[in-house]
Protein backbone atom coordinates (compact mmCIF):
# COMPACT_ATOMS: atom_id res chain seq x y z
CA MET A 1 188.00 267.96 292.62
CA SER A 2 188.51 270.85 290.71
CA VAL A 3 186.69 273.90 293.72
CA ARG A 4 184.31 274.99 290.86
CA CYS A 5 182.63 272.01 292.05
CA PHE A 6 181.48 273.41 295.09
CA ALA A 7 179.62 276.60 293.55
CA LEU A 8 177.18 273.79 291.89
CA LEU A 9 175.88 272.35 295.69
CA LEU A 10 174.17 276.47 295.84
CA LEU A 11 170.46 275.69 293.58
CA PHE A 12 169.62 279.32 292.14
CA ILE A 13 166.39 278.81 294.05
CA ALA A 14 164.04 281.94 293.72
CA CYS A 15 165.00 283.81 297.05
CA GLY A 16 162.45 285.92 297.15
CA ALA A 17 160.13 282.95 298.32
CA GLN A 18 162.14 282.30 301.77
CA ALA A 19 160.58 284.50 304.62
CA GLY A 20 163.93 286.72 305.59
CA ALA A 21 167.08 285.11 307.16
CA PRO A 22 166.56 282.31 309.54
CA ARG A 23 166.06 283.50 313.45
CA THR A 24 168.77 281.06 314.78
CA PHE A 25 170.53 278.04 313.75
CA THR A 26 167.97 275.21 313.90
CA GLU A 27 166.54 277.53 311.11
CA ALA A 28 169.27 277.81 309.65
CA LYS A 29 170.19 274.54 309.06
CA LYS A 30 166.44 273.57 307.72
CA VAL A 31 167.24 276.52 304.84
CA ALA A 32 171.36 275.67 304.63
CA TRP A 33 169.52 272.00 303.02
CA LYS A 34 166.82 273.92 301.34
CA LEU A 35 169.66 276.10 299.38
CA TYR A 36 172.40 273.43 299.25
CA ALA A 37 171.20 271.93 296.64
CA PRO A 38 170.74 267.26 296.95
CA GLN A 39 173.27 266.42 295.52
CA SER A 40 176.45 268.18 296.43
CA THR A 41 180.11 269.02 297.01
CA GLU A 42 181.20 268.82 301.13
CA PHE A 43 183.57 271.53 302.41
CA TYR A 44 186.84 270.60 303.64
CA CYS A 45 188.35 267.96 301.09
CA GLY A 46 185.36 267.67 298.38
CA CYS A 47 183.48 264.97 298.43
CA LYS A 48 180.30 264.44 297.23
CA TYR A 49 177.92 263.43 298.93
CA THR A 50 173.87 263.16 297.57
CA GLY A 51 170.97 263.70 300.97
CA ASN A 52 173.34 263.27 304.19
CA LYS A 53 175.16 260.53 302.85
CA VAL A 54 178.84 261.64 301.96
CA ASP A 55 180.52 259.07 299.02
CA LEU A 56 183.56 258.34 300.40
CA LYS A 57 185.08 256.56 298.26
CA ALA A 58 184.53 258.84 295.37
CA CYS A 59 186.93 261.18 296.76
CA GLY A 60 189.27 259.17 298.32
CA TYR A 61 188.10 259.58 302.05
CA VAL A 62 189.66 257.73 304.48
CA PRO A 63 187.88 257.98 308.45
CA ARG A 64 190.47 258.05 310.74
CA LYS A 65 188.62 256.66 314.07
CA ASN A 66 185.00 257.49 313.49
CA ALA A 67 183.64 256.53 309.72
CA LYS A 68 179.71 256.73 311.17
CA ARG A 69 179.83 260.03 311.53
CA ALA A 70 182.18 260.17 308.19
CA SER A 71 179.32 259.38 306.89
CA ARG A 72 177.37 261.71 307.21
CA ILE A 73 177.18 265.42 306.50
CA GLU A 74 176.81 268.71 309.65
CA TRP A 75 176.70 271.87 309.21
CA GLU A 76 179.85 273.83 310.02
CA HIS A 77 180.67 277.33 310.55
CA ILE A 78 183.43 278.51 309.26
CA VAL A 79 183.79 281.01 313.06
CA PRO A 80 183.35 278.52 315.51
CA ALA A 81 180.09 279.18 317.47
CA TRP A 82 183.24 279.44 320.92
CA GLU A 83 184.98 282.37 318.51
CA PHE A 84 182.35 285.06 318.12
CA GLY A 85 180.46 283.70 321.81
CA HIS A 86 182.92 283.26 324.18
CA GLN A 87 183.48 287.04 323.83
CA ARG A 88 179.61 288.06 324.90
CA GLN A 89 178.62 288.68 328.49
CA CYS A 90 175.74 285.43 327.80
CA TRP A 91 178.59 282.73 327.91
CA GLN A 92 180.69 283.88 330.32
CA SER A 93 177.11 283.32 332.34
CA GLY A 94 176.37 280.18 330.84
CA GLY A 95 178.31 279.09 327.78
CA ARG A 96 176.49 278.01 324.18
CA LYS A 97 172.81 277.08 325.53
CA ASN A 98 172.50 279.86 327.56
CA CYS A 99 173.85 282.74 324.38
CA THR A 100 171.58 280.74 322.11
CA ARG A 101 168.75 280.89 324.72
CA TYR A 102 168.79 284.56 325.12
CA ASP A 103 171.37 286.75 323.40
CA PRO A 104 169.98 288.40 320.26
CA GLY A 105 172.67 289.16 319.06
CA TYR A 106 174.79 286.04 319.73
CA GLN A 107 171.64 283.67 317.44
CA LYS A 108 172.53 286.52 314.68
CA ALA A 109 175.17 285.16 314.58
CA GLU A 110 175.04 281.85 314.67
CA ALA A 111 172.39 281.61 311.70
CA ASP A 112 174.39 283.14 309.60
CA LEU A 113 174.56 281.48 306.40
CA HIS A 114 177.42 283.32 304.85
CA ASN A 115 179.41 281.43 308.29
CA LEU A 116 177.50 277.86 307.60
CA VAL A 117 178.99 275.50 304.74
CA PRO A 118 178.62 270.92 304.76
CA SER A 119 180.98 269.10 306.15
CA ILE A 120 181.62 265.47 306.53
CA GLY A 121 180.75 265.20 310.29
CA GLU A 122 184.06 263.51 311.31
CA VAL A 123 186.01 266.54 310.04
CA ASN A 124 183.86 268.83 311.80
CA GLY A 125 184.22 266.60 315.17
CA ASP A 126 188.21 266.84 314.95
CA ARG A 127 187.53 270.55 313.73
CA SER A 128 186.01 271.37 317.29
CA ASN A 129 186.90 274.77 317.92
CA PHE A 130 189.81 274.24 316.90
CA SER A 131 191.78 278.26 314.84
CA TYR A 132 192.91 277.87 311.69
CA GLY A 133 196.83 278.19 310.77
CA TRP A 134 200.37 276.74 309.16
CA LEU A 135 200.28 273.13 309.80
CA PRO A 136 203.48 270.80 308.41
CA VAL A 137 202.31 269.28 305.05
CA GLN A 138 201.24 265.41 305.31
CA SER A 139 199.65 263.19 303.60
CA GLY A 140 196.95 260.14 304.45
CA GLN A 141 194.84 261.12 308.11
CA TYR A 142 192.37 261.47 306.48
CA GLY A 143 193.13 259.80 302.59
CA SER A 144 193.62 261.77 300.41
CA CYS A 145 191.39 265.17 301.82
CA LEU A 146 193.50 268.17 302.08
CA THR A 147 192.89 269.09 305.32
CA GLN A 148 194.79 268.79 308.49
CA VAL A 149 194.05 268.89 312.29
CA ASP A 150 197.05 269.25 314.83
CA PHE A 151 195.20 268.29 317.97
CA LYS A 152 198.34 268.96 320.15
CA ALA A 153 198.43 272.71 318.32
CA LYS A 154 194.13 272.86 317.72
CA LYS A 155 195.06 274.45 314.15
CA VAL A 156 193.47 273.25 311.44
CA MET A 157 195.07 273.71 308.16
CA PRO A 158 192.31 273.29 305.92
CA ARG A 159 192.75 272.86 301.55
CA PRO A 160 194.08 275.59 299.69
CA SER A 161 191.45 276.05 297.13
CA ILE A 162 189.03 276.98 300.64
CA ARG A 163 191.68 278.66 302.34
CA GLY A 164 190.83 282.39 301.07
CA MET A 165 186.81 282.33 301.26
CA ILE A 166 188.22 281.31 305.00
CA ALA A 167 189.47 284.58 304.86
CA ARG A 168 186.63 286.61 304.62
CA THR A 169 183.85 284.61 306.50
CA TYR A 170 186.46 285.83 309.27
CA PHE A 171 186.42 289.51 307.94
CA TYR A 172 182.75 289.66 306.57
CA MET A 173 182.12 288.55 310.88
CA SER A 174 184.15 290.88 312.27
CA LYS A 175 182.82 293.29 310.15
CA GLN A 176 179.22 292.68 311.22
CA TYR A 177 179.29 291.65 315.30
CA GLY A 178 182.43 292.26 316.00
CA LEU A 179 184.55 289.87 316.18
CA ARG A 180 187.94 291.05 317.85
CA LEU A 181 190.68 288.71 315.26
CA SER A 182 194.49 288.78 317.10
CA LYS A 183 197.18 290.30 315.09
CA GLN A 184 198.12 286.85 313.92
CA ASP A 185 195.08 285.73 313.15
CA ARG A 186 194.01 288.81 311.35
CA GLN A 187 197.75 288.62 309.09
CA LEU A 188 197.11 284.79 308.65
CA TYR A 189 194.34 285.60 307.04
CA GLU A 190 195.39 288.85 305.04
CA ALA A 191 198.07 286.59 303.57
CA TRP A 192 195.68 284.09 302.34
CA ASP A 193 192.71 286.51 301.34
CA LYS A 194 196.50 287.37 298.74
CA THR A 195 197.28 284.09 298.10
CA TYR A 196 193.58 283.18 296.95
CA PRO A 197 191.44 285.71 295.41
CA VAL A 198 187.65 285.29 294.73
CA GLN A 199 186.41 283.01 292.39
CA ASP A 200 183.37 282.42 290.36
CA TRP A 201 182.54 279.64 292.84
CA GLU A 202 182.53 281.94 295.39
CA ARG A 203 181.13 284.87 293.92
CA GLN A 204 178.13 282.99 292.82
CA ARG A 205 177.20 281.00 296.92
CA ASN A 206 177.49 284.51 298.04
CA GLN A 207 174.83 286.38 295.62
CA SER A 208 173.08 283.28 296.68
CA VAL A 209 173.45 283.09 299.93
CA ALA A 210 172.63 287.37 300.22
CA CYS A 211 170.05 286.25 298.52
CA VAL A 212 168.46 284.91 301.52
CA MET A 213 170.29 286.52 304.33
CA GLY A 214 168.75 289.95 302.89
CA ARG A 215 172.82 290.65 302.33
CA GLY A 216 176.18 289.63 300.83
CA ASN A 217 179.35 289.55 301.92
CA GLU A 218 181.80 292.25 301.10
CA PHE A 219 185.22 290.89 301.43
CA VAL A 220 183.95 288.78 298.90
CA GLY A 221 182.40 291.12 296.47
CA PRO A 222 179.10 293.34 295.30
CA VAL A 223 175.40 290.98 295.28
CA ASN A 224 172.26 292.37 293.35
CA LEU A 225 169.60 292.22 295.86
CA LYS A 226 167.04 292.62 292.68
CA ALA A 227 167.79 289.74 291.66
CA CYS A 228 166.26 288.14 293.89
CA GLY A 229 162.81 287.86 292.54
C-alpha cells in the first residue's frame, strides 16, 4: 500500500474552528478522531480502517496473539510517554499518572498531535515503550505488515515508508520539550531523515496538525497558519 494513502486519512477541515491545541491526552484523542478521516489508513502497517474497526484481511494482517485488540484502532505516541516522561521529576515521584495530573509541561507533550498517530491496537501494545532500531528482516510476524517487534531486544523496526517521519518527530519532540536523545538514537534518526526524505503526504499532515496545534514540525517543513481558516 502506498504511503500516499496515509495522507488521505487527514480531513481538510476548517482548522480555525478548533478551540486550540488540546490540553490533555484525553482531549488530543478526541481531536485526533475528528482530524483523521472516518475512512483512513493506520500508521504501522498501512491498513485501512473505518471508524474504530480495521480491515485486517484487506491488508494481509495476521494477528500475532490478540485478534480482538488487532481489530481496533488505538492512538500511538511515536515518542512514547515513558520516553519524554521518565526524564521529568513528576515521573520519579509517581510515574505517568502523577505527570498527567500535576505536570503542565508533560501534559503538553502527551497531548501534542504531531506525536500522535492511529495504530492497530495489537502493534501499539507490542511496541510498548520500546525504542526504534534496525532488526534482521523477518516476515510473517503480523502477516504482510512490514513493521517488526523484537521483544527480547526491546526494539521495533517500522516499515520503511514511515521511518523518516518517525525521525523528524523525534527531532521535533526533542527540541520542543527538551527530550534528551542518546548519541546512538540521534545517529539512527539522522540516517533515517536522510534516507527517507519528506514526502508530500507528510507535508500535508504537518499542515493539518499545525492548524490545530498552532505550530508545525519545522523538521518537516514550513506551514501556513493563515491558510487554516
